[in-house]
């Protein structure tokens, strides 16, 4: 299960994720991003309550990063040690801006 909380302030959109970003829930996040990304120049993901990211979730993050490279910036915040390890092993820590 994945819970997505949105907070938009002008052209900044923050998505707070809780639960698991996996094969089942990745399409939910992808649809949310597609629906909200027009006019956004700063995209922020808050992973404070995110427990897990699978390869399907990584694909959605990569797609969002590619979109934001053309429009502005994307940041991933409050990453747990477990998810940071996944980012490190997959090379995503070199692709994403992680705070």
PDB file of N, CA and C in Angstrom:
ATOM      1  N   UNK A   1       0.834  -1.186   0.000  1.00  0.00           N
ATOM      2  CA  UNK A   1       0.000   0.000   0.000  1.00  0.00           C
ATOM      3  C   UNK A   1       0.881   1.253   0.000  1.00  0.00           C
ATOM      4  N   UNK A   2       0.429   2.258  -0.715  1.00  0.00           N
ATOM      5  CA  UNK A   2       1.148   3.526  -0.793  1.00  0.00           C
ATOM      6  C   UNK A   2       0.167   4.666  -0.549  1.00  0.00           C
ATOM      7  N   UNK A   3       0.547   5.550   0.347  1.00  0.00           N
ATOM      8  CA  UNK A   3      -0.257   6.746   0.611  1.00  0.00           C
ATOM      9  C   UNK A   3       0.542   7.944   0.102  1.00  0.00           C
ATOM     10  N   UNK A   4      -0.105   8.791  -0.696  1.00  0.00           N
ATOM     11  CA  UNK A   4       0.553   9.955  -1.270  1.00  0.00           C
ATOM     12  C   UNK A   4      -0.152  11.210  -0.767  1.00  0.00           C
ATOM     13  N   UNK A   5       0.604  12.067  -0.086  1.00  0.00           N
ATOM     14  CA  UNK A   5       0.060  13.353   0.345  1.00  0.00           C
ATOM     15  C   UNK A   5       0.694  14.429  -0.522  1.00  0.00           C
ATOM     16  N   UNK A   6      -0.151  15.320  -1.074  1.00  0.00           N
ATOM     17  CA  UNK A   6       0.328  16.383  -1.960  1.00  0.00           C
ATOM     18  C   UNK A   6       0.277  17.721  -1.253  1.00  0.00           C
ATOM     19  N   UNK A   7       1.288  18.529  -1.524  1.00  0.00           N
ATOM     20  CA  UNK A   7       1.293  19.898  -1.033  1.00  0.00           C
ATOM     21  C   UNK A   7       1.880  20.764  -2.136  1.00  0.00           C
ATOM     22  N   UNK A   8       1.019  21.569  -2.763  1.00  0.00           N
ATOM     23  CA  UNK A   8       1.481  22.419  -3.854  1.00  0.00           C
ATOM     24  C   UNK A   8       1.503  23.869  -3.412  1.00  0.00           C
ATOM     25  N   UNK A   9       2.623  24.522  -3.705  1.00  0.00           N
ATOM     26  CA  UNK A   9       2.792  25.934  -3.394  1.00  0.00           C
ATOM     27  C   UNK A   9       3.325  26.604  -4.653  1.00  0.00           C
ATOM     28  N   UNK A  10       2.435  27.173  -5.445  1.00  0.00           N
ATOM     29  CA  UNK A  10       2.839  27.769  -6.715  1.00  0.00           C
ATOM     30  C   UNK A  10       3.386  26.711  -7.651  1.00  0.00           C
ATOM     31  N   UNK A  11       4.642  26.871  -8.063  1.00  0.00           N
ATOM     32  CA  UNK A  11       5.238  25.915  -9.002  1.00  0.00           C
ATOM     33  C   UNK A  11       6.042  24.830  -8.284  1.00  0.00           C
ATOM     34  N   UNK A  12       5.910  24.773  -6.956  1.00  0.00           N
ATOM     35  CA  UNK A  12       6.586  23.730  -6.170  1.00  0.00           C
ATOM     36  C   UNK A  12       5.558  22.694  -5.741  1.00  0.00           C
ATOM     37  N   UNK A  13       5.877  21.432  -5.972  1.00  0.00           N
ATOM     38  CA  UNK A  13       4.996  20.331  -5.572  1.00  0.00           C
ATOM     39  C   UNK A  13       5.780  19.377  -4.683  1.00  0.00           C
ATOM     40  N   UNK A  14       5.243  19.134  -3.484  1.00  0.00           N
ATOM     41  CA  UNK A  14       5.854  18.160  -2.592  1.00  0.00           C
ATOM     42  C   UNK A  14       4.928  16.957  -2.467  1.00  0.00           C
ATOM     43  N   UNK A  15       5.496  15.779  -2.699  1.00  0.00           N
ATOM     44  CA  UNK A  15       4.760  14.534  -2.554  1.00  0.00           C
ATOM     45  C   UNK A  15       5.372  13.753  -1.395  1.00  0.00           C
ATOM     46  N   UNK A  16       4.584  13.559  -0.341  1.00  0.00           N
ATOM     47  CA  UNK A  16       5.033  12.780   0.815  1.00  0.00           C
ATOM     48  C   UNK A  16       4.499  11.369   0.659  1.00  0.00           C
ATOM     49  N   UNK A  17       5.408  10.408   0.617  1.00  0.00           N
ATOM     50  CA  UNK A  17       5.023   9.017   0.386  1.00  0.00           C
ATOM     51  C   UNK A  17       5.152   8.217   1.670  1.00  0.00           C
ATOM     52  N   UNK A  18       4.162   7.371   1.922  1.00  0.00           N
ATOM     53  CA  UNK A  18       4.276   6.442   3.056  1.00  0.00           C
ATOM     54  C   UNK A  18       3.791   5.074   2.595  1.00  0.00           C
ATOM     55  N   UNK A  19       4.476   4.052   3.112  1.00  0.00           N
ATOM     56  CA  UNK A  19       4.160   2.684   2.720  1.00  0.00           C
ATOM     57  C   UNK A  19       5.245   2.107   1.845  1.00  0.00           C
ATOM     58  N   UNK A  20       4.818   1.439   0.767  1.00  0.00           N
ATOM     59  CA  UNK A  20       5.755   0.765  -0.127  1.00  0.00           C
ATOM     60  C   UNK A  20       5.559   1.253  -1.562  1.00  0.00           C
ATOM     61  N   UNK A  21       6.671   1.560  -2.217  1.00  0.00           N
ATOM     62  CA  UNK A  21       6.647   1.935  -3.628  1.00  0.00           C
ATOM     63  C   UNK A  21       7.160   0.725  -4.396  1.00  0.00           C
ATOM     64  N   UNK A  22       6.220  -0.089  -4.895  1.00  0.00           N
ATOM     65  CA  UNK A  22       6.585  -1.354  -5.531  1.00  0.00           C
ATOM     66  C   UNK A  22       5.789  -1.556  -6.814  1.00  0.00           C
ATOM     67  N   UNK A  23       5.820  -2.759  -7.343  1.00  0.00           N
ATOM     68  CA  UNK A  23       5.157  -3.071  -8.617  1.00  0.00           C
ATOM     69  C   UNK A  23       3.667  -2.740  -8.580  1.00  0.00           C
ATOM     70  N   UNK A  24       3.045  -2.946  -7.441  1.00  0.00           N
ATOM     71  CA  UNK A  24       1.612  -2.701  -7.298  1.00  0.00           C
ATOM     72  C   UNK A  24       1.312  -1.200  -7.220  1.00  0.00           C
ATOM     73  N   UNK A  25       2.132  -0.438  -6.480  1.00  0.00           N
ATOM     74  CA  UNK A  25       1.824   0.963  -6.197  1.00  0.00           C
ATOM     75  C   UNK A  25       2.516   1.961  -7.124  1.00  0.00           C
ATOM     76  N   UNK A  26       3.556   1.526  -7.847  1.00  0.00           N
ATOM     77  CA  UNK A  26       4.280   2.448  -8.738  1.00  0.00           C
ATOM     78  C   UNK A  26       3.359   3.117  -9.768  1.00  0.00           C
ATOM     79  N   UNK A  27       2.428   2.386 -10.386  1.00  0.00           N
ATOM     80  CA  UNK A  27       1.528   3.054 -11.346  1.00  0.00           C
ATOM     81  C   UNK A  27       0.689   4.162 -10.704  1.00  0.00           C
ATOM     82  N   UNK A  28       0.329   3.996  -9.433  1.00  0.00           N
ATOM     83  CA  UNK A  28      -0.425   5.019  -8.700  1.00  0.00           C
ATOM     84  C   UNK A  28       0.396   6.306  -8.604  1.00  0.00           C
ATOM     85  N   UNK A  29       1.677   6.180  -8.255  1.00  0.00           N
ATOM     86  CA  UNK A  29       2.543   7.357  -8.150  1.00  0.00           C
ATOM     87  C   UNK A  29       2.769   7.968  -9.531  1.00  0.00           C
ATOM     88  N   UNK A  30       2.958   7.131 -10.527  1.00  0.00           N
ATOM     89  CA  UNK A  30       3.180   7.614 -11.890  1.00  0.00           C
ATOM     90  C   UNK A  30       1.999   8.450 -12.381  1.00  0.00           C
ATOM     91  N   UNK A  31       0.787   7.980 -12.125  1.00  0.00           N
ATOM     92  CA  UNK A  31      -0.415   8.717 -12.520  1.00  0.00           C
ATOM     93  C   UNK A  31      -0.517  10.040 -11.774  1.00  0.00           C
ATOM     94  N   UNK A  32      -0.189  10.010 -10.481  1.00  0.00           N
ATOM     95  CA  UNK A  32      -0.231  11.218  -9.658  1.00  0.00           C
ATOM     96  C   UNK A  32       0.734  12.269 -10.205  1.00  0.00           C
ATOM     97  N   UNK A  33       1.939  11.842 -10.539  1.00  0.00           N
ATOM     98  CA  UNK A  33       2.939  12.767 -11.081  1.00  0.00           C
ATOM     99  C   UNK A  33       2.470  13.336 -12.417  1.00  0.00           C
ATOM    100  N   UNK A  34       1.999  12.476 -13.305  1.00  0.00           N
ATOM    101  CA  UNK A  34       1.519  12.938 -14.624  1.00  0.00           C
ATOM    102  C   UNK A  34       0.393  13.949 -14.486  1.00  0.00           C
ATOM    103  N   UNK A  35      -0.489  13.719 -13.527  1.00  0.00           N
ATOM    104  CA  UNK A  35      -1.649  14.600 -13.341  1.00  0.00           C
ATOM    105  C   UNK A  35      -1.251  15.959 -12.772  1.00  0.00           C
ATOM    106  N   UNK A  36      -0.165  15.999 -12.023  1.00  0.00           N
ATOM    107  CA  UNK A  36       0.180  17.208 -11.276  1.00  0.00           C
ATOM    108  C   UNK A  36       1.376  17.989 -11.823  1.00  0.00           C
ATOM    109  N   UNK A  37       2.143  17.429 -12.764  1.00  0.00           N
ATOM    110  CA  UNK A  37       3.461  17.975 -13.086  1.00  0.00           C
ATOM    111  C   UNK A  37       3.428  19.211 -13.991  1.00  0.00           C
ATOM    112  N   UNK A  38       2.336  19.446 -14.685  1.00  0.00           N
ATOM    113  CA  UNK A  38       2.269  20.622 -15.556  1.00  0.00           C
ATOM    114  C   UNK A  38       2.459  21.898 -14.741  1.00  0.00           C
ATOM    115  N   UNK A  39       3.399  22.723 -15.180  1.00  0.00           N
ATOM    116  CA  UNK A  39       3.647  23.990 -14.513  1.00  0.00           C
ATOM    117  C   UNK A  39       4.525  23.892 -13.276  1.00  0.00           C
ATOM    118  N   UNK A  40       4.967  22.683 -12.940  1.00  0.00           N
ATOM    119  CA  UNK A  40       5.817  22.484 -11.765  1.00  0.00           C
ATOM    120  C   UNK A  40       7.284  22.646 -12.165  1.00  0.00           C
ATOM    121  N   UNK A  41       8.009  23.472 -11.410  1.00  0.00           N
ATOM    122  CA  UNK A  41       9.443  23.643 -11.668  1.00  0.00           C
ATOM    123  C   UNK A  41      10.287  23.072 -10.536  1.00  0.00           C
ATOM    124  N   UNK A  42       9.644  22.763  -9.414  1.00  0.00           N
ATOM    125  CA  UNK A  42      10.357  22.149  -8.288  1.00  0.00           C
ATOM    126  C   UNK A  42       9.518  21.004  -7.747  1.00  0.00           C
ATOM    127  N   UNK A  43      10.044  19.792  -7.882  1.00  0.00           N
ATOM    128  CA  UNK A  43       9.351  18.593  -7.412  1.00  0.00           C
ATOM    129  C   UNK A  43      10.140  18.017  -6.244  1.00  0.00           C
ATOM    130  N   UNK A  44       9.455  17.829  -5.115  1.00  0.00           N
ATOM    131  CA  UNK A  44      10.100  17.313  -3.912  1.00  0.00           C
ATOM    132  C   UNK A  44       9.374  16.047  -3.471  1.00  0.00           C
ATOM    133  N   UNK A  45      10.153  14.998  -3.235  1.00  0.00           N
ATOM    134  CA  UNK A  45       9.616  13.764  -2.660  1.00  0.00           C
ATOM    135  C   UNK A  45      10.083  13.679  -1.219  1.00  0.00           C
ATOM    136  N   UNK A  46       9.150  13.465  -0.304  1.00  0.00           N
ATOM    137  CA  UNK A  46       9.493  13.259   1.102  1.00  0.00           C
ATOM    138  C   UNK A  46       9.294  11.773   1.403  1.00  0.00           C
ATOM    139  N   UNK A  47      10.406  11.095   1.721  1.00  0.00           N
ATOM    140  CA  UNK A  47      10.385   9.644   1.952  1.00  0.00           C
ATOM    141  C   UNK A  47      10.406   9.295   3.438  1.00  0.00           C
ATOM    142  N   UNK A  48      10.048  10.246   4.320  1.00  0.00           N
ATOM    143  CA  UNK A  48      10.108  10.005   5.770  1.00  0.00           C
ATOM    144  C   UNK A  48       9.417   8.695   6.144  1.00  0.00           C
ATOM    145  N   UNK A  49       8.247   8.445   5.582  1.00  0.00           N
ATOM    146  CA  UNK A  49       7.453   7.271   5.965  1.00  0.00           C
ATOM    147  C   UNK A  49       7.434   6.185   4.898  1.00  0.00           C
ATOM    148  N   UNK A  50       8.379   6.263   3.946  1.00  0.00           N
ATOM    149  CA  UNK A  50       8.435   5.236   2.903  1.00  0.00           C
ATOM    150  C   UNK A  50       9.319   4.089   3.379  1.00  0.00           C
ATOM    151  N   UNK A  51       8.778   2.871   3.331  1.00  0.00           N
ATOM    152  CA  UNK A  51       9.487   1.708   3.870  1.00  0.00           C
ATOM    153  C   UNK A  51      10.313   0.976   2.826  1.00  0.00           C
ATOM    154  N   UNK A  52       9.914   1.056   1.543  1.00  0.00           N
ATOM    155  CA  UNK A  52      10.535   0.184   0.532  1.00  0.00           C
ATOM    156  C   UNK A  52      10.364   0.781  -0.858  1.00  0.00           C
ATOM    157  N   UNK A  53      11.377   0.589  -1.699  1.00  0.00           N
ATOM    158  CA  UNK A  53      11.290   0.964  -3.113  1.00  0.00           C
ATOM    159  C   UNK A  53      11.763  -0.216  -3.947  1.00  0.00           C
ATOM    160  N   UNK A  54      10.952  -0.651  -4.913  1.00  0.00           N
ATOM    161  CA  UNK A  54      11.343  -1.731  -5.827  1.00  0.00           C
ATOM    162  C   UNK A  54      11.842  -1.138  -7.138  1.00  0.00           C
ATOM    163  N   UNK A  55      12.229  -2.004  -8.053  1.00  0.00           N
ATOM    164  CA  UNK A  55      12.700  -1.536  -9.364  1.00  0.00           C
ATOM    165  C   UNK A  55      11.608  -0.773 -10.103  1.00  0.00           C
ATOM    166  N   UNK A  56      10.360  -1.157  -9.911  1.00  0.00           N
ATOM    167  CA  UNK A  56       9.250  -0.429 -10.544  1.00  0.00           C
ATOM    168  C   UNK A  56       9.161   0.993  -9.993  1.00  0.00           C
ATOM    169  N   UNK A  57       9.380   1.134  -8.695  1.00  0.00           N
ATOM    170  CA  UNK A  57       9.397   2.452  -8.073  1.00  0.00           C
ATOM    171  C   UNK A  57      10.562   3.284  -8.565  1.00  0.00           C
ATOM    172  N   UNK A  58      11.724   2.657  -8.716  1.00  0.00           N
ATOM    173  CA  UNK A  58      12.898   3.356  -9.239  1.00  0.00           C
ATOM    174  C   UNK A  58      12.636   3.876 -10.646  1.00  0.00           C
ATOM    175  N   UNK A  59      11.936   3.087 -11.444  1.00  0.00           N
ATOM    176  CA  UNK A  59      11.624   3.501 -12.811  1.00  0.00           C
ATOM    177  C   UNK A  59      10.762   4.765 -12.816  1.00  0.00           C
ATOM    178  N   UNK A  60       9.789   4.838 -11.920  1.00  0.00           N
ATOM    179  CA  UNK A  60       8.926   6.025 -11.815  1.00  0.00           C
ATOM    180  C   UNK A  60       9.755   7.240 -11.394  1.00  0.00           C
ATOM    181  N   UNK A  61      10.663   7.058 -10.435  1.00  0.00           N
ATOM    182  CA  UNK A  61      11.523   8.156  -9.995  1.00  0.00           C
ATOM    183  C   UNK A  61      12.430   8.628 -11.118  1.00  0.00           C
ATOM    184  N   UNK A  62      12.967   7.677 -11.892  1.00  0.00           N
ATOM    185  CA  UNK A  62      13.831   8.038 -13.018  1.00  0.00           C
ATOM    186  C   UNK A  62      13.060   8.821 -14.073  1.00  0.00           C
ATOM    187  N   UNK A  63      11.851   8.388 -14.359  1.00  0.00           N
ATOM    188  CA  UNK A  63      10.997   9.078 -15.320  1.00  0.00           C
ATOM    189  C   UNK A  63      10.681  10.498 -14.846  1.00  0.00           C
ATOM    190  N   UNK A  64      10.384  10.641 -13.560  1.00  0.00           N
ATOM    191  CA  UNK A  64      10.104  11.970 -12.996  1.00  0.00           C
ATOM    192  C   UNK A  64      11.348  12.850 -13.079  1.00  0.00           C
ATOM    193  N   UNK A  65      12.523  12.262 -12.804  1.00  0.00           N
ATOM    194  CA  UNK A  65      13.771  13.026 -12.863  1.00  0.00           C
ATOM    195  C   UNK A  65      14.021  13.524 -14.285  1.00  0.00           C
ATOM    196  N   UNK A  66      13.780  12.669 -15.266  1.00  0.00           N
ATOM    197  CA  UNK A  66      13.974  13.072 -16.670  1.00  0.00           C
ATOM    198  C   UNK A  66      13.039  14.216 -17.037  1.00  0.00           C
ATOM    199  N   UNK A  67      11.793  14.143 -16.604  1.00  0.00           N
ATOM    200  CA  UNK A  67      10.834  15.225 -16.867  1.00  0.00           C
ATOM    201  C   UNK A  67      11.290  16.518 -16.213  1.00  0.00           C
ATOM    202  N   UNK A  68      11.732  16.422 -14.969  1.00  0.00           N
ATOM    203  CA  UNK A  68      12.112  17.616 -14.227  1.00  0.00           C
ATOM    204  C   UNK A  68      13.434  18.205 -14.720  1.00  0.00           C
ATOM    205  N   UNK A  69      14.290  17.395 -15.336  1.00  0.00           N
ATOM    206  CA  UNK A  69      15.536  17.924 -15.907  1.00  0.00           C
ATOM    207  C   UNK A  69      15.233  18.997 -16.943  1.00  0.00           C
ATOM    208  N   UNK A  70      14.100  18.866 -17.635  1.00  0.00           N
ATOM    209  CA  UNK A  70      13.700  19.820 -18.670  1.00  0.00           C
ATOM    210  C   UNK A  70      12.961  21.025 -18.088  1.00  0.00           C
ATOM    211  N   UNK A  71      12.380  20.873 -16.880  1.00  0.00           N
ATOM    212  CA  UNK A  71      11.493  21.902 -16.333  1.00  0.00           C
ATOM    213  C   UNK A  71      12.047  22.633 -15.123  1.00  0.00           C
ATOM    214  N   UNK A  72      12.969  21.994 -14.409  1.00  0.00           N
ATOM    215  CA  UNK A  72      13.439  22.576 -13.152  1.00  0.00           C
ATOM    216  C   UNK A  72      14.232  21.578 -12.353  1.00  0.00           C
ATOM    217  N   UNK A  73      13.820  21.373 -11.092  1.00  0.00           N
ATOM    218  CA  UNK A  73      14.602  20.508 -10.204  1.00  0.00           C
ATOM    219  C   UNK A  73      13.714  19.482  -9.504  1.00  0.00           C
ATOM    220  N   UNK A  74      14.381  18.414  -9.072  1.00  0.00           N
ATOM    221  CA  UNK A  74      13.707  17.366  -8.298  1.00  0.00           C
ATOM    222  C   UNK A  74      14.624  16.966  -7.151  1.00  0.00           C
ATOM    223  N   UNK A  75      14.047  16.855  -5.963  1.00  0.00           N
ATOM    224  CA  UNK A  75      14.801  16.503  -4.761  1.00  0.00           C
ATOM    225  C   UNK A  75      14.079  15.369  -4.038  1.00  0.00           C
ATOM    226  N   UNK A  76      14.859  14.441  -3.491  1.00  0.00           N
ATOM    227  CA  UNK A  76      14.319  13.384  -2.642  1.00  0.00           C
ATOM    228  C   UNK A  76      14.855  13.618  -1.240  1.00  0.00           C
ATOM    229  N   UNK A  77      13.943  13.745  -0.273  1.00  0.00           N
ATOM    230  CA  UNK A  77      14.335  14.072   1.107  1.00  0.00           C
ATOM    231  C   UNK A  77      13.978  12.949   2.070  1.00  0.00           C
ATOM    232  N   UNK A  78      14.679  12.948   3.204  1.00  0.00           N
ATOM    233  CA  UNK A  78      14.367  12.059   4.331  1.00  0.00           C
ATOM    234  C   UNK A  78      14.362  10.583   3.944  1.00  0.00           C
ATOM    235  N   UNK A  79      15.455  10.181   3.302  1.00  0.00           N
ATOM    236  CA  UNK A  79      15.588   8.802   2.823  1.00  0.00           C
ATOM    237  C   UNK A  79      16.131   7.925   3.959  1.00  0.00           C
ATOM    238  N   UNK A  80      15.498   6.780   4.176  1.00  0.00           N
ATOM    239  CA  UNK A  80      15.961   5.851   5.216  1.00  0.00           C
ATOM    240  C   UNK A  80      17.268   5.192   4.769  1.00  0.00           C
ATOM    241  N   UNK A  81      17.953   4.571   5.723  1.00  0.00           N
ATOM    242  CA  UNK A  81      19.201   3.871   5.394  1.00  0.00           C
ATOM    243  C   UNK A  81      18.956   2.768   4.381  1.00  0.00           C
ATOM    244  N   UNK A  82      17.836   2.052   4.529  1.00  0.00           N
ATOM    245  CA  UNK A  82      17.533   0.935   3.627  1.00  0.00           C
ATOM    246  C   UNK A  82      17.332   1.432   2.188  1.00  0.00           C
ATOM    247  N   UNK A  83      16.583   2.508   2.040  1.00  0.00           N
ATOM    248  CA  UNK A  83      16.328   3.039   0.696  1.00  0.00           C
ATOM    249  C   UNK A  83      17.590   3.691   0.145  1.00  0.00           C
ATOM    250  N   UNK A  84      18.371   4.348   0.989  1.00  0.00           N
ATOM    251  CA  UNK A  84      19.641   4.919   0.535  1.00  0.00           C
ATOM    252  C   UNK A  84      20.549   3.820  -0.001  1.00  0.00           C
ATOM    253  N   UNK A  85      20.543   2.666   0.650  1.00  0.00           N
ATOM    254  CA  UNK A  85      21.362   1.541   0.191  1.00  0.00           C
ATOM    255  C   UNK A  85      20.897   1.069  -1.191  1.00  0.00           C
ATOM    256  N   UNK A  86      19.585   1.029  -1.394  1.00  0.00           N
ATOM    257  CA  UNK A  86      19.051   0.661  -2.713  1.00  0.00           C
ATOM    258  C   UNK A  86      19.513   1.676  -3.755  1.00  0.00           C
ATOM    259  N   UNK A  87      19.440   2.965  -3.422  1.00  0.00           N
ATOM    260  CA  UNK A  87      19.908   4.012  -4.341  1.00  0.00           C
ATOM    261  C   UNK A  87      21.395   3.853  -4.643  1.00  0.00           C
ATOM    262  N   UNK A  88      22.196   3.536  -3.623  1.00  0.00           N
ATOM    263  CA  UNK A  88      23.644   3.381  -3.802  1.00  0.00           C
ATOM    264  C   UNK A  88      23.965   2.189  -4.707  1.00  0.00           C
ATOM    265  N   UNK A  89      23.341   1.044  -4.423  1.00  0.00           N
ATOM    266  CA  UNK A  89      23.617  -0.183  -5.169  1.00  0.00           C
ATOM    267  C   UNK A  89      23.201  -0.048  -6.636  1.00  0.00           C
ATOM    268  N   UNK A  90      22.095   0.645  -6.888  1.00  0.00           N
ATOM    269  CA  UNK A  90      21.580   0.770  -8.254  1.00  0.00           C
ATOM    270  C   UNK A  90      22.183   1.949  -9.019  1.00  0.00           C
ATOM    271  N   UNK A  91      22.946   2.786  -8.327  1.00  0.00           N
ATOM    272  CA  UNK A  91      23.516   3.963  -8.972  1.00  0.00           C
ATOM    273  C   UNK A  91      22.580   5.159  -8.989  1.00  0.00           C
ATOM    274  N   UNK A  92      21.413   5.024  -8.370  1.00  0.00           N
ATOM    275  CA  UNK A  92      20.452   6.130  -8.353  1.00  0.00           C
ATOM    276  C   UNK A  92      20.939   7.294  -7.500  1.00  0.00           C
ATOM    277  N   UNK A  93      21.846   7.023  -6.560  1.00  0.00           N
ATOM    278  CA  UNK A  93      22.366   8.116  -5.738  1.00  0.00           C
ATOM    279  C   UNK A  93      23.177   9.086  -6.594  1.00  0.00           C
ATOM    280  N   UNK A  94      23.644   8.638  -7.763  1.00  0.00           N
ATOM    281  CA  UNK A  94      24.357   9.522  -8.693  1.00  0.00           C
ATOM    282  C   UNK A  94      23.395  10.277  -9.611  1.00  0.00           C
ATOM    283  N   UNK A  95      22.176   9.770  -9.760  1.00  0.00           N
ATOM    284  CA  UNK A  95      21.192  10.342 -10.680  1.00  0.00           C
ATOM    285  C   UNK A  95      20.282  11.350  -9.968  1.00  0.00           C
ATOM    286  N   UNK A  96      19.872  10.976  -8.747  1.00  0.00           N
ATOM    287  CA  UNK A  96      18.913  11.786  -7.991  1.00  0.00           C
ATOM    288  C   UNK A  96      19.626  12.768  -7.060  1.00  0.00           C
ATOM    289  N   UNK A  97      18.964  13.872  -6.773  1.00  0.00           N
ATOM    290  CA  UNK A  97      19.429  14.804  -5.741  1.00  0.00           C
ATOM    291  C   UNK A  97      18.777  14.361  -4.428  1.00  0.00           C
ATOM    292  N   UNK A  98      19.596  13.874  -3.504  1.00  0.00           N
ATOM    293  CA  UNK A  98      19.084  13.321  -2.245  1.00  0.00           C
ATOM    294  C   UNK A  98      19.557  14.213  -1.103  1.00  0.00           C
ATOM    295  N   UNK A  99      18.601  14.674  -0.309  1.00  0.00           N
ATOM    296  CA  UNK A  99      18.928  15.539   0.844  1.00  0.00           C
ATOM    297  C   UNK A  99      18.603  14.833   2.136  1.00  0.00           C
TER     298      UNK A  99
END
